[in-house]
């Protein structure tokens, strides 16, 4: 496992340098490793789509006048 994947999988924020490192690892990898990196990135995308959808639902239930979550949960 590359350092950039380990760093990302531990929940640390990803910055431009991490992105470059990840893509460099991808370019240097053999085909099996490329597939592993690809599937890792796709899994992360799906996870963040779920998190963003959940955040959106929570925000939509917030009472805009008071900025608090309603009791509808």
PDB file of N, CA and C in Angstrom:
ATOM      1  N   UNK A   1       0.855  -1.180   0.000  1.00  0.00           N
ATOM      2  CA  UNK A   1       0.000   0.000   0.000  1.00  0.00           C
ATOM      3  C   UNK A   1       0.895   1.235   0.000  1.00  0.00           C
ATOM      4  N   UNK A   2       0.564   2.173  -0.851  1.00  0.00           N
ATOM      5  CA  UNK A   2       1.384   3.377  -0.939  1.00  0.00           C
ATOM      6  C   UNK A   2       1.125   4.285   0.260  1.00  0.00           C
ATOM      7  N   UNK A   3       2.064   5.141   0.526  1.00  0.00           N
ATOM      8  CA  UNK A   3       1.934   6.084   1.624  1.00  0.00           C
ATOM      9  C   UNK A   3       0.744   7.004   1.427  1.00  0.00           C
ATOM     10  N   UNK A   4       0.505   7.429   0.179  1.00  0.00           N
ATOM     11  CA  UNK A   4      -0.621   8.341  -0.067  1.00  0.00           C
ATOM     12  C   UNK A   4      -1.954   7.664   0.227  1.00  0.00           C
ATOM     13  N   UNK A   5      -2.084   6.366  -0.116  1.00  0.00           N
ATOM     14  CA  UNK A   5      -3.329   5.656   0.191  1.00  0.00           C
ATOM     15  C   UNK A   5      -3.472   5.478   1.688  1.00  0.00           C
ATOM     16  N   UNK A   6      -2.392   5.097   2.348  1.00  0.00           N
ATOM     17  CA  UNK A   6      -2.452   4.931   3.796  1.00  0.00           C
ATOM     18  C   UNK A   6      -2.848   6.237   4.469  1.00  0.00           C
ATOM     19  N   UNK A   7      -2.262   7.321   4.048  1.00  0.00           N
ATOM     20  CA  UNK A   7      -2.545   8.645   4.594  1.00  0.00           C
ATOM     21  C   UNK A   7      -4.025   8.984   4.425  1.00  0.00           C
ATOM     22  N   UNK A   8      -4.550   8.758   3.219  1.00  0.00           N
ATOM     23  CA  UNK A   8      -5.951   9.064   2.939  1.00  0.00           C
ATOM     24  C   UNK A   8      -6.884   8.147   3.718  1.00  0.00           C
ATOM     25  N   UNK A   9      -6.539   6.865   3.797  1.00  0.00           N
ATOM     26  CA  UNK A   9      -7.421   5.910   4.455  1.00  0.00           C
ATOM     27  C   UNK A   9      -7.485   6.122   5.961  1.00  0.00           C
ATOM     28  N   UNK A  10      -6.510   6.808   6.535  1.00  0.00           N
ATOM     29  CA  UNK A  10      -6.531   7.099   7.955  1.00  0.00           C
ATOM     30  C   UNK A  10      -7.400   8.315   8.282  1.00  0.00           C
ATOM     31  N   UNK A  11      -7.986   8.914   7.263  1.00  0.00           N
ATOM     32  CA  UNK A  11      -8.898  10.029   7.484  1.00  0.00           C
ATOM     33  C   UNK A  11      -8.245  11.401   7.457  1.00  0.00           C
ATOM     34  N   UNK A  12      -6.985  11.462   7.089  1.00  0.00           N
ATOM     35  CA  UNK A  12      -6.332  12.758   7.002  1.00  0.00           C
ATOM     36  C   UNK A  12      -6.828  13.486   5.760  1.00  0.00           C
ATOM     37  N   UNK A  13      -6.896  14.801   5.816  1.00  0.00           N
ATOM     38  CA  UNK A  13      -7.336  15.548   4.630  1.00  0.00           C
ATOM     39  C   UNK A  13      -6.344  15.388   3.489  1.00  0.00           C
ATOM     40  N   UNK A  14      -6.867  15.396   2.292  1.00  0.00           N
ATOM     41  CA  UNK A  14      -6.044  15.240   1.096  1.00  0.00           C
ATOM     42  C   UNK A  14      -5.813  16.611   0.482  1.00  0.00           C
ATOM     43  N   UNK A  15      -4.556  16.926   0.235  1.00  0.00           N
ATOM     44  CA  UNK A  15      -4.244  18.211  -0.387  1.00  0.00           C
ATOM     45  C   UNK A  15      -3.622  17.966  -1.760  1.00  0.00           C
ATOM     46  N   UNK A  16      -3.165  19.008  -2.407  1.00  0.00           N
ATOM     47  CA  UNK A  16      -2.598  18.894  -3.760  1.00  0.00           C
ATOM     48  C   UNK A  16      -1.371  17.978  -3.786  1.00  0.00           C
ATOM     49  N   UNK A  17      -0.537  18.066  -2.769  1.00  0.00           N
ATOM     50  CA  UNK A  17       0.661  17.217  -2.713  1.00  0.00           C
ATOM     51  C   UNK A  17       0.272  15.740  -2.602  1.00  0.00           C
ATOM     52  N   UNK A  18      -0.747  15.440  -1.801  1.00  0.00           N
ATOM     53  CA  UNK A  18      -1.231  14.061  -1.680  1.00  0.00           C
ATOM     54  C   UNK A  18      -1.789  13.559  -3.008  1.00  0.00           C
ATOM     55  N   UNK A  19      -2.513  14.434  -3.695  1.00  0.00           N
ATOM     56  CA  UNK A  19      -3.080  14.065  -4.992  1.00  0.00           C
ATOM     57  C   UNK A  19      -1.961  13.737  -5.977  1.00  0.00           C
ATOM     58  N   UNK A  20      -0.918  14.558  -6.003  1.00  0.00           N
ATOM     59  CA  UNK A  20       0.222  14.315  -6.897  1.00  0.00           C
ATOM     60  C   UNK A  20       0.897  12.989  -6.546  1.00  0.00           C
ATOM     61  N   UNK A  21       1.067  12.731  -5.263  1.00  0.00           N
ATOM     62  CA  UNK A  21       1.702  11.500  -4.819  1.00  0.00           C
ATOM     63  C   UNK A  21       0.872  10.285  -5.220  1.00  0.00           C
ATOM     64  N   UNK A  22      -0.431  10.375  -5.040  1.00  0.00           N
ATOM     65  CA  UNK A  22      -1.328   9.285  -5.411  1.00  0.00           C
ATOM     66  C   UNK A  22      -1.241   9.003  -6.912  1.00  0.00           C
ATOM     67  N   UNK A  23      -1.279  10.061  -7.722  1.00  0.00           N
ATOM     68  CA  UNK A  23      -1.222   9.887  -9.177  1.00  0.00           C
ATOM     69  C   UNK A  23       0.151   9.388  -9.635  1.00  0.00           C
ATOM     70  N   UNK A  24       1.211   9.802  -8.945  1.00  0.00           N
ATOM     71  CA  UNK A  24       2.545   9.290  -9.251  1.00  0.00           C
ATOM     72  C   UNK A  24       2.610   7.799  -8.960  1.00  0.00           C
ATOM     73  N   UNK A  25       2.072   7.391  -7.804  1.00  0.00           N
ATOM     74  CA  UNK A  25       2.012   5.962  -7.476  1.00  0.00           C
ATOM     75  C   UNK A  25       1.232   5.202  -8.540  1.00  0.00           C
ATOM     76  N   UNK A  26       0.146   5.799  -8.996  1.00  0.00           N
ATOM     77  CA  UNK A  26      -0.689   5.158 -10.015  1.00  0.00           C
ATOM     78  C   UNK A  26       0.095   4.964 -11.317  1.00  0.00           C
ATOM     79  N   UNK A  27       0.816   5.988 -11.743  1.00  0.00           N
ATOM     80  CA  UNK A  27       1.579   5.907 -12.995  1.00  0.00           C
ATOM     81  C   UNK A  27       2.666   4.842 -12.933  1.00  0.00           C
ATOM     82  N   UNK A  28       3.296   4.678 -11.765  1.00  0.00           N
ATOM     83  CA  UNK A  28       4.411   3.749 -11.614  1.00  0.00           C
ATOM     84  C   UNK A  28       3.956   2.308 -11.379  1.00  0.00           C
ATOM     85  N   UNK A  29       2.724   2.100 -11.019  1.00  0.00           N
ATOM     86  CA  UNK A  29       2.252   0.788 -10.587  1.00  0.00           C
ATOM     87  C   UNK A  29       2.059  -0.179 -11.753  1.00  0.00           C
ATOM     88  N   UNK A  30       2.142  -1.470 -11.430  1.00  0.00           N
ATOM     89  CA  UNK A  30       1.799  -2.479 -12.428  1.00  0.00           C
ATOM     90  C   UNK A  30       0.277  -2.534 -12.552  1.00  0.00           C
ATOM     91  N   UNK A  31      -0.226  -3.324 -13.478  1.00  0.00           N
ATOM     92  CA  UNK A  31      -1.665  -3.323 -13.763  1.00  0.00           C
ATOM     93  C   UNK A  31      -2.501  -3.724 -12.537  1.00  0.00           C
ATOM     94  N   UNK A  32      -2.080  -4.727 -11.781  1.00  0.00           N
ATOM     95  CA  UNK A  32      -2.841  -5.131 -10.591  1.00  0.00           C
ATOM     96  C   UNK A  32      -2.896  -3.997  -9.570  1.00  0.00           C
ATOM     97  N   UNK A  33      -1.769  -3.346  -9.378  1.00  0.00           N
ATOM     98  CA  UNK A  33      -1.717  -2.222  -8.429  1.00  0.00           C
ATOM     99  C   UNK A  33      -2.573  -1.058  -8.933  1.00  0.00           C
ATOM    100  N   UNK A  34      -2.549  -0.809 -10.235  1.00  0.00           N
ATOM    101  CA  UNK A  34      -3.386   0.256 -10.812  1.00  0.00           C
ATOM    102  C   UNK A  34      -4.860  -0.025 -10.510  1.00  0.00           C
ATOM    103  N   UNK A  35      -5.271  -1.287 -10.665  1.00  0.00           N
ATOM    104  CA  UNK A  35      -6.662  -1.641 -10.368  1.00  0.00           C
ATOM    105  C   UNK A  35      -6.977  -1.439  -8.897  1.00  0.00           C
ATOM    106  N   UNK A  36      -6.051  -1.816  -8.016  1.00  0.00           N
ATOM    107  CA  UNK A  36      -6.252  -1.591  -6.581  1.00  0.00           C
ATOM    108  C   UNK A  36      -6.433  -0.109  -6.284  1.00  0.00           C
ATOM    109  N   UNK A  37      -5.582   0.735  -6.869  1.00  0.00           N
ATOM    110  CA  UNK A  37      -5.679   2.182  -6.657  1.00  0.00           C
ATOM    111  C   UNK A  37      -6.988   2.728  -7.229  1.00  0.00           C
ATOM    112  N   UNK A  38      -7.374   2.226  -8.387  1.00  0.00           N
ATOM    113  CA  UNK A  38      -8.615   2.662  -9.027  1.00  0.00           C
ATOM    114  C   UNK A  38      -9.814   2.328  -8.140  1.00  0.00           C
ATOM    115  N   UNK A  39      -9.892   1.081  -7.686  1.00  0.00           N
ATOM    116  CA  UNK A  39     -11.023   0.673  -6.852  1.00  0.00           C
ATOM    117  C   UNK A  39     -11.038   1.401  -5.513  1.00  0.00           C
ATOM    118  N   UNK A  40      -9.868   1.674  -4.971  1.00  0.00           N
ATOM    119  CA  UNK A  40      -9.800   2.457  -3.738  1.00  0.00           C
ATOM    120  C   UNK A  40     -10.413   3.841  -3.956  1.00  0.00           C
ATOM    121  N   UNK A  41     -10.029   4.497  -5.052  1.00  0.00           N
ATOM    122  CA  UNK A  41     -10.553   5.834  -5.338  1.00  0.00           C
ATOM    123  C   UNK A  41     -12.063   5.797  -5.568  1.00  0.00           C
ATOM    124  N   UNK A  42     -12.550   4.792  -6.274  1.00  0.00           N
ATOM    125  CA  UNK A  42     -13.991   4.664  -6.526  1.00  0.00           C
ATOM    126  C   UNK A  42     -14.740   4.435  -5.206  1.00  0.00           C
ATOM    127  N   UNK A  43     -14.188   3.592  -4.331  1.00  0.00           N
ATOM    128  CA  UNK A  43     -14.817   3.370  -3.026  1.00  0.00           C
ATOM    129  C   UNK A  43     -14.889   4.652  -2.218  1.00  0.00           C
ATOM    130  N   UNK A  44     -13.815   5.431  -2.252  1.00  0.00           N
ATOM    131  CA  UNK A  44     -13.803   6.699  -1.527  1.00  0.00           C
ATOM    132  C   UNK A  44     -14.836   7.664  -2.098  1.00  0.00           C
ATOM    133  N   UNK A  45     -14.967   7.686  -3.421  1.00  0.00           N
ATOM    134  CA  UNK A  45     -15.955   8.559  -4.055  1.00  0.00           C
ATOM    135  C   UNK A  45     -17.362   8.183  -3.593  1.00  0.00           C
ATOM    136  N   UNK A  46     -17.654   6.883  -3.572  1.00  0.00           N
ATOM    137  CA  UNK A  46     -18.980   6.422  -3.148  1.00  0.00           C
ATOM    138  C   UNK A  46     -19.231   6.783  -1.685  1.00  0.00           C
ATOM    139  N   UNK A  47     -18.223   6.609  -0.850  1.00  0.00           N
ATOM    140  CA  UNK A  47     -18.361   6.951   0.570  1.00  0.00           C
ATOM    141  C   UNK A  47     -18.678   8.433   0.742  1.00  0.00           C
ATOM    142  N   UNK A  48     -17.943   9.297   0.033  1.00  0.00           N
ATOM    143  CA  UNK A  48     -18.165  10.736   0.168  1.00  0.00           C
ATOM    144  C   UNK A  48     -19.496  11.167  -0.429  1.00  0.00           C
ATOM    145  N   UNK A  49     -19.959  10.488  -1.469  1.00  0.00           N
ATOM    146  CA  UNK A  49     -21.291  10.793  -2.008  1.00  0.00           C
ATOM    147  C   UNK A  49     -22.360  10.496  -0.962  1.00  0.00           C
ATOM    148  N   UNK A  50     -22.210   9.390  -0.239  1.00  0.00           N
ATOM    149  CA  UNK A  50     -23.153   9.048   0.827  1.00  0.00           C
ATOM    150  C   UNK A  50     -23.100  10.071   1.954  1.00  0.00           C
ATOM    151  N   UNK A  51     -21.896  10.463   2.342  1.00  0.00           N
ATOM    152  CA  UNK A  51     -21.747  11.456   3.417  1.00  0.00           C
ATOM    153  C   UNK A  51     -22.383  12.778   3.009  1.00  0.00           C
ATOM    154  N   UNK A  52     -22.125  13.223   1.771  1.00  0.00           N
ATOM    155  CA  UNK A  52     -22.693  14.493   1.300  1.00  0.00           C
ATOM    156  C   UNK A  52     -24.213  14.420   1.207  1.00  0.00           C
ATOM    157  N   UNK A  53     -24.761  13.295   0.777  1.00  0.00           N
ATOM    158  CA  UNK A  53     -26.218  13.134   0.710  1.00  0.00           C
ATOM    159  C   UNK A  53     -26.822  13.214   2.107  1.00  0.00           C
ATOM    160  N   UNK A  54     -26.184  12.561   3.061  1.00  0.00           N
ATOM    161  CA  UNK A  54     -26.649  12.586   4.451  1.00  0.00           C
ATOM    162  C   UNK A  54     -26.590  14.016   5.020  1.00  0.00           C
ATOM    163  N   UNK A  55     -25.496  14.714   4.733  1.00  0.00           N
ATOM    164  CA  UNK A  55     -25.358  16.097   5.191  1.00  0.00           C
ATOM    165  C   UNK A  55     -26.440  16.976   4.573  1.00  0.00           C
ATOM    166  N   UNK A  56     -26.734  16.749   3.312  1.00  0.00           N
ATOM    167  CA  UNK A  56     -27.762  17.514   2.623  1.00  0.00           C
ATOM    168  C   UNK A  56     -29.128  17.300   3.257  1.00  0.00           C
ATOM    169  N   UNK A  57     -29.442  16.043   3.580  1.00  0.00           N
ATOM    170  CA  UNK A  57     -30.731  15.749   4.228  1.00  0.00           C
ATOM    171  C   UNK A  57     -30.828  16.417   5.591  1.00  0.00           C
ATOM    172  N   UNK A  58     -29.739  16.389   6.338  1.00  0.00           N
ATOM    173  CA  UNK A  58     -29.730  17.030   7.658  1.00  0.00           C
ATOM    174  C   UNK A  58     -29.932  18.533   7.507  1.00  0.00           C
ATOM    175  N   UNK A  59     -29.229  19.135   6.555  1.00  0.00           N
ATOM    176  CA  UNK A  59     -29.354  20.575   6.337  1.00  0.00           C
ATOM    177  C   UNK A  59     -30.759  20.959   5.902  1.00  0.00           C
ATOM    178  N   UNK A  60     -31.409  20.119   5.101  1.00  0.00           N
ATOM    179  CA  UNK A  60     -32.756  20.419   4.626  1.00  0.00           C
ATOM    180  C   UNK A  60     -33.786  20.349   5.740  1.00  0.00           C
ATOM    181  N   UNK A  61     -33.515  19.573   6.793  1.00  0.00           N
ATOM    182  CA  UNK A  61     -34.456  19.484   7.903  1.00  0.00           C
ATOM    183  C   UNK A  61     -34.239  20.575   8.952  1.00  0.00           C
ATOM    184  N   UNK A  62     -33.164  21.344   8.783  1.00  0.00           N
ATOM    185  CA  UNK A  62     -32.868  22.413   9.741  1.00  0.00           C
ATOM    186  C   UNK A  62     -33.903  23.530   9.615  1.00  0.00           C
ATOM    187  N   UNK A  63     -34.237  24.116  10.729  1.00  0.00           N
ATOM    188  CA  UNK A  63     -35.144  25.259  10.749  1.00  0.00           C
ATOM    189  C   UNK A  63     -34.323  26.494  10.386  1.00  0.00           C
ATOM    190  N   UNK A  64     -34.552  27.089   9.206  1.00  0.00           N
ATOM    191  CA  UNK A  64     -33.708  28.199   8.762  1.00  0.00           C
ATOM    192  C   UNK A  64     -33.817  29.438   9.629  1.00  0.00           C
ATOM    193  N   UNK A  65     -34.940  29.599  10.360  1.00  0.00           N
ATOM    194  CA  UNK A  65     -35.093  30.802  11.188  1.00  0.00           C
ATOM    195  C   UNK A  65     -34.299  30.715  12.477  1.00  0.00           C
ATOM    196  N   UNK A  66     -34.120  29.519  13.000  1.00  0.00           N
ATOM    197  CA  UNK A  66     -33.384  29.380  14.249  1.00  0.00           C
ATOM    198  C   UNK A  66     -32.053  28.657  14.077  1.00  0.00           C
ATOM    199  N   UNK A  67     -31.851  28.065  12.897  1.00  0.00           N
ATOM    200  CA  UNK A  67     -30.609  27.357  12.657  1.00  0.00           C
ATOM    201  C   UNK A  67     -30.473  26.080  13.428  1.00  0.00           C
ATOM    202  N   UNK A  68     -31.594  25.517  13.892  1.00  0.00           N
ATOM    203  CA  UNK A  68     -31.558  24.273  14.667  1.00  0.00           C
ATOM    204  C   UNK A  68     -32.258  23.181  13.881  1.00  0.00           C
ATOM    205  N   UNK A  69     -31.929  21.945  14.224  1.00  0.00           N
ATOM    206  CA  UNK A  69     -32.569  20.796  13.622  1.00  0.00           C
ATOM    207  C   UNK A  69     -33.982  20.673  14.189  1.00  0.00           C
ATOM    208  N   UNK A  70     -34.954  20.355  13.312  1.00  0.00           N
ATOM    209  CA  UNK A  70     -36.336  20.208  13.769  1.00  0.00           C
ATOM    210  C   UNK A  70     -36.509  18.884  14.498  1.00  0.00           C
ATOM    211  N   UNK A  71     -37.624  18.708  15.152  1.00  0.00           N
ATOM    212  CA  UNK A  71     -37.925  17.497  15.898  1.00  0.00           C
ATOM    213  C   UNK A  71     -38.461  16.372  15.025  1.00  0.00           C
ATOM    214  N   UNK A  72     -38.443  16.517  13.707  1.00  0.00           N
ATOM    215  CA  UNK A  72     -38.995  15.537  12.806  1.00  0.00           C
ATOM    216  C   UNK A  72     -38.124  14.289  12.661  1.00  0.00           C
ATOM    217  N   UNK A  73     -36.930  14.291  13.200  1.00  0.00           N
ATOM    218  CA  UNK A  73     -36.013  13.163  13.044  1.00  0.00           C
ATOM    219  C   UNK A  73     -36.482  11.959  13.812  1.00  0.00           C
TER     220      UNK A  73
END
